[in-house]
Amino acid sequence: MPGIGLRSLPRKNPCAQCGRSIALPEWVEHEVGRTFYLWRCMACDYRFESVAYFEPQEADGEAIAA
């Protein structure tokens, strides 16, 4: 996971099957405007994915019309 710090990862996501807390995602994948997280519950071995969507960032140095 290059470029990702542990501080920016979501934490304590509940398992979608049994509800137990999962400390950190098992896998993280980035695309423009969204990030995918793969979660694995150690209690029941259930795996599921969640997606975070982000607002598009304005380009730096855009020309401002006068």
PDB file of N, CA and C in Angstrom:
ATOM      1  N   MET A   1       0.826  -1.187   0.000  1.00  0.00           N
ATOM      2  CA  MET A   1       0.000   0.000   0.000  1.00  0.00           C
ATOM      3  C   MET A   1       0.865   1.242   0.000  1.00  0.00           C
ATOM      4  N   PRO A   2       1.560   1.507  -1.046  1.00  0.00           N
ATOM      5  CA  PRO A   2       2.433   2.675  -1.058  1.00  0.00           C
ATOM      6  C   PRO A   2       1.648   3.969  -0.934  1.00  0.00           C
ATOM      7  N   GLY A   3       2.225   4.902  -0.187  1.00  0.00           N
ATOM      8  CA  GLY A   3       1.608   6.208  -0.061  1.00  0.00           C
ATOM      9  C   GLY A   3       0.471   6.285   0.934  1.00  0.00           C
ATOM     10  N   ILE A   4       0.208   5.217   1.660  1.00  0.00           N
ATOM     11  CA  ILE A   4      -0.892   5.221   2.636  1.00  0.00           C
ATOM     12  C   ILE A   4      -0.283   5.049   4.014  1.00  0.00           C
ATOM     13  N   GLY A   5      -0.682   5.909   4.911  1.00  0.00           N
ATOM     14  CA  GLY A   5      -0.239   5.763   6.278  1.00  0.00           C
ATOM     15  C   GLY A   5      -1.295   5.032   7.082  1.00  0.00           C
ATOM     16  N   LEU A   6      -0.884   4.334   8.115  1.00  0.00           N
ATOM     17  CA  LEU A   6      -1.844   3.610   8.939  1.00  0.00           C
ATOM     18  C   LEU A   6      -2.844   4.541   9.599  1.00  0.00           C
ATOM     19  N   ARG A   7      -2.467   5.772   9.816  1.00  0.00           N
ATOM     20  CA  ARG A   7      -3.374   6.729  10.472  1.00  0.00           C
ATOM     21  C   ARG A   7      -4.583   7.067   9.605  1.00  0.00           C
ATOM     22  N   SER A   8      -4.434   6.969   8.279  1.00  0.00           N
ATOM     23  CA  SER A   8      -5.532   7.350   7.392  1.00  0.00           C
ATOM     24  C   SER A   8      -6.487   6.197   7.096  1.00  0.00           C
ATOM     25  N   LEU A   9      -6.189   4.990   7.542  1.00  0.00           N
ATOM     26  CA  LEU A   9      -7.054   3.839   7.286  1.00  0.00           C
ATOM     27  C   LEU A   9      -8.251   3.824   8.233  1.00  0.00           C
ATOM     28  N   PRO A  10      -9.402   3.358   7.736  1.00  0.00           N
ATOM     29  CA  PRO A  10     -10.555   3.216   8.639  1.00  0.00           C
ATOM     30  C   PRO A  10     -10.267   2.124   9.663  1.00  0.00           C
ATOM     31  N   ARG A  11     -10.828   2.265  10.827  1.00  0.00           N
ATOM     32  CA  ARG A  11     -10.576   1.301  11.912  1.00  0.00           C
ATOM     33  C   ARG A  11     -11.891   0.868  12.540  1.00  0.00           C
ATOM     34  N   LYS A  12     -11.839  -0.303  13.151  1.00  0.00           N
ATOM     35  CA  LYS A  12     -12.942  -0.856  13.943  1.00  0.00           C
ATOM     36  C   LYS A  12     -14.253  -0.917  13.157  1.00  0.00           C
ATOM     37  N   ASN A  13     -14.167  -1.357  11.910  1.00  0.00           N
ATOM     38  CA  ASN A  13     -15.364  -1.567  11.103  1.00  0.00           C
ATOM     39  C   ASN A  13     -16.043  -2.840  11.612  1.00  0.00           C
ATOM     40  N   PRO A  14     -17.361  -2.833  11.821  1.00  0.00           N
ATOM     41  CA  PRO A  14     -18.021  -4.053  12.282  1.00  0.00           C
ATOM     42  C   PRO A  14     -18.145  -5.077  11.157  1.00  0.00           C
ATOM     43  N   CYS A  15     -18.031  -6.343  11.500  1.00  0.00           N
ATOM     44  CA  CYS A  15     -18.210  -7.429  10.540  1.00  0.00           C
ATOM     45  C   CYS A  15     -19.648  -7.404  10.026  1.00  0.00           C
ATOM     46  N   ALA A  16     -19.803  -7.579   8.718  1.00  0.00           N
ATOM     47  CA  ALA A  16     -21.132  -7.556   8.107  1.00  0.00           C
ATOM     48  C   ALA A  16     -21.942  -8.803   8.434  1.00  0.00           C
ATOM     49  N   GLN A  17     -21.285  -9.830   8.992  1.00  0.00           N
ATOM     50  CA  GLN A  17     -22.011 -11.059   9.329  1.00  0.00           C
ATOM     51  C   GLN A  17     -22.249 -11.206  10.824  1.00  0.00           C
ATOM     52  N   CYS A  18     -21.182 -11.115  11.617  1.00  0.00           N
ATOM     53  CA  CYS A  18     -21.339 -11.368  13.058  1.00  0.00           C
ATOM     54  C   CYS A  18     -21.312 -10.100  13.917  1.00  0.00           C
ATOM     55  N   GLY A  19     -20.872  -8.967  13.346  1.00  0.00           N
ATOM     56  CA  GLY A  19     -20.874  -7.708  14.084  1.00  0.00           C
ATOM     57  C   GLY A  19     -19.634  -7.422  14.906  1.00  0.00           C
ATOM     58  N   ARG A  20     -18.702  -8.357  14.985  1.00  0.00           N
ATOM     59  CA  ARG A  20     -17.474  -8.093  15.746  1.00  0.00           C
ATOM     60  C   ARG A  20     -16.630  -7.039  15.058  1.00  0.00           C
ATOM     61  N   SER A  21     -15.895  -6.302  15.833  1.00  0.00           N
ATOM     62  CA  SER A  21     -15.067  -5.218  15.330  1.00  0.00           C
ATOM     63  C   SER A  21     -13.832  -5.776  14.610  1.00  0.00           C
ATOM     64  N   ILE A  22     -13.523  -5.207  13.421  1.00  0.00           N
ATOM     65  CA  ILE A  22     -12.328  -5.578  12.665  1.00  0.00           C
ATOM     66  C   ILE A  22     -11.367  -4.400  12.757  1.00  0.00           C
ATOM     67  N   ALA A  23     -10.163  -4.655  13.234  1.00  0.00           N
ATOM     68  CA  ALA A  23      -9.219  -3.575  13.521  1.00  0.00           C
ATOM     69  C   ALA A  23      -8.832  -2.765  12.278  1.00  0.00           C
ATOM     70  N   LEU A  24      -8.407  -3.428  11.210  1.00  0.00           N
ATOM     71  CA  LEU A  24      -7.939  -2.755   9.998  1.00  0.00           C
ATOM     72  C   LEU A  24      -8.343  -3.557   8.770  1.00  0.00           C
ATOM     73  N   PRO A  25      -8.458  -2.908   7.616  1.00  0.00           N
ATOM     74  CA  PRO A  25      -8.756  -3.668   6.400  1.00  0.00           C
ATOM     75  C   PRO A  25      -7.581  -4.554   6.007  1.00  0.00           C
ATOM     76  N   GLU A  26      -7.895  -5.659   5.350  1.00  0.00           N
ATOM     77  CA  GLU A  26      -6.863  -6.596   4.895  1.00  0.00           C
ATOM     78  C   GLU A  26      -6.202  -6.101   3.616  1.00  0.00           C
ATOM     79  N   TRP A  27      -6.931  -5.367   2.791  1.00  0.00           N
ATOM     80  CA  TRP A  27      -6.421  -4.891   1.515  1.00  0.00           C
ATOM     81  C   TRP A  27      -7.045  -3.537   1.208  1.00  0.00           C
ATOM     82  N   VAL A  28      -6.279  -2.651   0.575  1.00  0.00           N
ATOM     83  CA  VAL A  28      -6.771  -1.332   0.178  1.00  0.00           C
ATOM     84  C   VAL A  28      -6.353  -1.098  -1.268  1.00  0.00           C
ATOM     85  N   GLU A  29      -7.291  -0.629  -2.083  1.00  0.00           N
ATOM     86  CA  GLU A  29      -6.997  -0.333  -3.486  1.00  0.00           C
ATOM     87  C   GLU A  29      -7.609   1.019  -3.839  1.00  0.00           C
ATOM     88  N   HIS A  30      -6.817   1.851  -4.513  1.00  0.00           N
ATOM     89  CA  HIS A  30      -7.250   3.210  -4.848  1.00  0.00           C
ATOM     90  C   HIS A  30      -7.537   3.348  -6.337  1.00  0.00           C
ATOM     91  N   GLU A  31      -8.572   4.102  -6.655  1.00  0.00           N
ATOM     92  CA  GLU A  31      -8.875   4.560  -8.003  1.00  0.00           C
ATOM     93  C   GLU A  31      -9.213   6.037  -7.881  1.00  0.00           C
ATOM     94  N   VAL A  32      -9.275   6.717  -8.992  1.00  0.00           N
ATOM     95  CA  VAL A  32      -9.616   8.134  -8.960  1.00  0.00           C
ATOM     96  C   VAL A  32     -11.020   8.298  -8.379  1.00  0.00           C
ATOM     97  N   GLY A  33     -11.123   9.047  -7.293  1.00  0.00           N
ATOM     98  CA  GLY A  33     -12.404   9.347  -6.682  1.00  0.00           C
ATOM     99  C   GLY A  33     -12.957   8.298  -5.744  1.00  0.00           C
ATOM    100  N   ARG A  34     -12.276   7.164  -5.568  1.00  0.00           N
ATOM    101  CA  ARG A  34     -12.790   6.150  -4.645  1.00  0.00           C
ATOM    102  C   ARG A  34     -11.678   5.218  -4.165  1.00  0.00           C
ATOM    103  N   THR A  35     -11.928   4.612  -3.018  1.00  0.00           N
ATOM    104  CA  THR A  35     -10.999   3.661  -2.423  1.00  0.00           C
ATOM    105  C   THR A  35     -11.784   2.430  -1.998  1.00  0.00           C
ATOM    106  N   PHE A  36     -11.251   1.257  -2.310  1.00  0.00           N
ATOM    107  CA  PHE A  36     -11.873  -0.013  -1.955  1.00  0.00           C
ATOM    108  C   PHE A  36     -11.139  -0.611  -0.755  1.00  0.00           C
ATOM    109  N   TYR A  37     -11.910  -1.175   0.173  1.00  0.00           N
ATOM    110  CA  TYR A  37     -11.344  -1.832   1.353  1.00  0.00           C
ATOM    111  C   TYR A  37     -11.863  -3.259   1.415  1.00  0.00           C
ATOM    112  N   LEU A  38     -10.964  -4.217   1.624  1.00  0.00           N
ATOM    113  CA  LEU A  38     -11.356  -5.607   1.835  1.00  0.00           C
ATOM    114  C   LEU A  38     -11.183  -5.904   3.317  1.00  0.00           C
ATOM    115  N   TRP A  39     -12.265  -6.373   3.929  1.00  0.00           N
ATOM    116  CA  TRP A  39     -12.270  -6.669   5.359  1.00  0.00           C
ATOM    117  C   TRP A  39     -12.387  -8.173   5.564  1.00  0.00           C
ATOM    118  N   ARG A  40     -11.711  -8.699   6.576  1.00  0.00           N
ATOM    119  CA  ARG A  40     -11.810 -10.104   6.942  1.00  0.00           C
ATOM    120  C   ARG A  40     -11.981 -10.204   8.445  1.00  0.00           C
ATOM    121  N   CYS A  41     -13.058 -10.858   8.844  1.00  0.00           N
ATOM    122  CA  CYS A  41     -13.337 -11.030  10.261  1.00  0.00           C
ATOM    123  C   CYS A  41     -12.578 -12.247  10.774  1.00  0.00           C
ATOM    124  N   MET A  42     -11.774 -12.053  11.798  1.00  0.00           N
ATOM    125  CA  MET A  42     -11.006 -13.153  12.380  1.00  0.00           C
ATOM    126  C   MET A  42     -11.899 -14.073  13.212  1.00  0.00           C
ATOM    127  N   ALA A  43     -13.057 -13.588  13.653  1.00  0.00           N
ATOM    128  CA  ALA A  43     -13.947 -14.392  14.489  1.00  0.00           C
ATOM    129  C   ALA A  43     -14.735 -15.416  13.660  1.00  0.00           C
ATOM    130  N   CYS A  44     -15.283 -14.985  12.508  1.00  0.00           N
ATOM    131  CA  CYS A  44     -16.138 -15.889  11.722  1.00  0.00           C
ATOM    132  C   CYS A  44     -15.603 -16.147  10.313  1.00  0.00           C
ATOM    133  N   ASP A  45     -14.459 -15.561   9.962  1.00  0.00           N
ATOM    134  CA  ASP A  45     -13.790 -15.719   8.669  1.00  0.00           C
ATOM    135  C   ASP A  45     -14.615 -15.178   7.498  1.00  0.00           C
ATOM    136  N   TYR A  46     -15.546 -14.287   7.751  1.00  0.00           N
ATOM    137  CA  TYR A  46     -16.338 -13.666   6.692  1.00  0.00           C
ATOM    138  C   TYR A  46     -15.517 -12.547   6.060  1.00  0.00           C
ATOM    139  N   ARG A  47     -15.586 -12.428   4.731  1.00  0.00           N
ATOM    140  CA  ARG A  47     -14.886 -11.368   4.011  1.00  0.00           C
ATOM    141  C   ARG A  47     -15.891 -10.530   3.256  1.00  0.00           C
ATOM    142  N   PHE A  48     -15.658  -9.214   3.253  1.00  0.00           N
ATOM    143  CA  PHE A  48     -16.540  -8.310   2.523  1.00  0.00           C
ATOM    144  C   PHE A  48     -15.768  -7.066   2.120  1.00  0.00           C
ATOM    145  N   GLU A  49     -16.318  -6.334   1.168  1.00  0.00           N
ATOM    146  CA  GLU A  49     -15.674  -5.146   0.634  1.00  0.00           C
ATOM    147  C   GLU A  49     -16.523  -3.915   0.923  1.00  0.00           C
ATOM    148  N   SER A  50     -15.863  -2.800   1.165  1.00  0.00           N
ATOM    149  CA  SER A  50     -16.559  -1.524   1.285  1.00  0.00           C
ATOM    150  C   SER A  50     -15.856  -0.529   0.367  1.00  0.00           C
ATOM    151  N   VAL A  51     -16.577   0.519  -0.019  1.00  0.00           N
ATOM    152  CA  VAL A  51     -16.036   1.517  -0.935  1.00  0.00           C
ATOM    153  C   VAL A  51     -16.261   2.903  -0.342  1.00  0.00           C
ATOM    154  N   ALA A  52     -15.234   3.729  -0.374  1.00  0.00           N
ATOM    155  CA  ALA A  52     -15.343   5.129   0.036  1.00  0.00           C
ATOM    156  C   ALA A  52     -15.250   5.982  -1.219  1.00  0.00           C
ATOM    157  N   TYR A  53     -16.220   6.885  -1.393  1.00  0.00           N
ATOM    158  CA  TYR A  53     -16.239   7.789  -2.544  1.00  0.00           C
ATOM    159  C   TYR A  53     -15.813   9.176  -2.091  1.00  0.00           C
ATOM    160  N   PHE A  54     -15.019   9.846  -2.927  1.00  0.00           N
ATOM    161  CA  PHE A  54     -14.506  11.169  -2.598  1.00  0.00           C
ATOM    162  C   PHE A  54     -14.913  12.178  -3.664  1.00  0.00           C
ATOM    163  N   GLU A  55     -15.143  13.408  -3.251  1.00  0.00           N
ATOM    164  CA  GLU A  55     -15.451  14.492  -4.179  1.00  0.00           C
ATOM    165  C   GLU A  55     -14.229  14.740  -5.061  1.00  0.00           C
ATOM    166  N   PRO A  56     -14.444  15.050  -6.334  1.00  0.00           N
ATOM    167  CA  PRO A  56     -13.293  15.354  -7.202  1.00  0.00           C
ATOM    168  C   PRO A  56     -12.576  16.615  -6.716  1.00  0.00           C
ATOM    169  N   GLN A  57     -11.273  16.572  -6.768  1.00  0.00           N
ATOM    170  CA  GLN A  57     -10.469  17.713  -6.341  1.00  0.00           C
ATOM    171  C   GLN A  57     -10.308  18.662  -7.517  1.00  0.00           C
ATOM    172  N   GLU A  58     -10.418  19.965  -7.259  1.00  0.00           N
ATOM    173  CA  GLU A  58     -10.200  20.943  -8.326  1.00  0.00           C
ATOM    174  C   GLU A  58      -8.722  20.973  -8.674  1.00  0.00           C
ATOM    175  N   ALA A  59      -8.444  21.143  -9.944  1.00  0.00           N
ATOM    176  CA  ALA A  59      -7.057  21.166 -10.398  1.00  0.00           C
ATOM    177  C   ALA A  59      -6.339  22.388  -9.823  1.00  0.00           C
ATOM    178  N   ASP A  60      -5.101  22.182  -9.409  1.00  0.00           N
ATOM    179  CA  ASP A  60      -4.301  23.299  -8.896  1.00  0.00           C
ATOM    180  C   ASP A  60      -3.949  24.239 -10.043  1.00  0.00           C
ATOM    181  N   GLY A  61      -4.005  25.511  -9.776  1.00  0.00           N
ATOM    182  CA  GLY A  61      -3.607  26.500 -10.767  1.00  0.00           C
ATOM    183  C   GLY A  61      -4.615  26.718 -11.875  1.00  0.00           C
ATOM    184  N   GLU A  62      -5.884  26.443 -11.621  1.00  0.00           N
ATOM    185  CA  GLU A  62      -6.899  26.702 -12.635  1.00  0.00           C
ATOM    186  C   GLU A  62      -6.970  28.189 -12.926  1.00  0.00           C
ATOM    187  N   ALA A  63      -7.170  28.511 -14.178  1.00  0.00           N
ATOM    188  CA  ALA A  63      -7.289  29.922 -14.566  1.00  0.00           C
ATOM    189  C   ALA A  63      -8.630  30.456 -14.063  1.00  0.00           C
ATOM    190  N   ILE A  64      -8.604  31.635 -13.515  1.00  0.00           N
ATOM    191  CA  ILE A  64      -9.824  32.271 -13.017  1.00  0.00           C
ATOM    192  C   ILE A  64     -10.251  33.315 -14.044  1.00  0.00           C
ATOM    193  N   ALA A  65     -11.470  33.176 -14.528  1.00  0.00           N
ATOM    194  CA  ALA A  65     -11.975  34.142 -15.521  1.00  0.00           C
ATOM    195  C   ALA A  65     -12.301  35.460 -14.821  1.00  0.00           C
ATOM    196  N   ALA A  66     -11.869  36.540 -15.428  1.00  0.00           N
ATOM    197  CA  ALA A  66     -12.106  37.853 -14.835  1.00  0.00           C
ATOM    198  C   ALA A  66     -13.339  38.504 -15.411  1.00  0.00           C
TER     199      ALA A  66
END
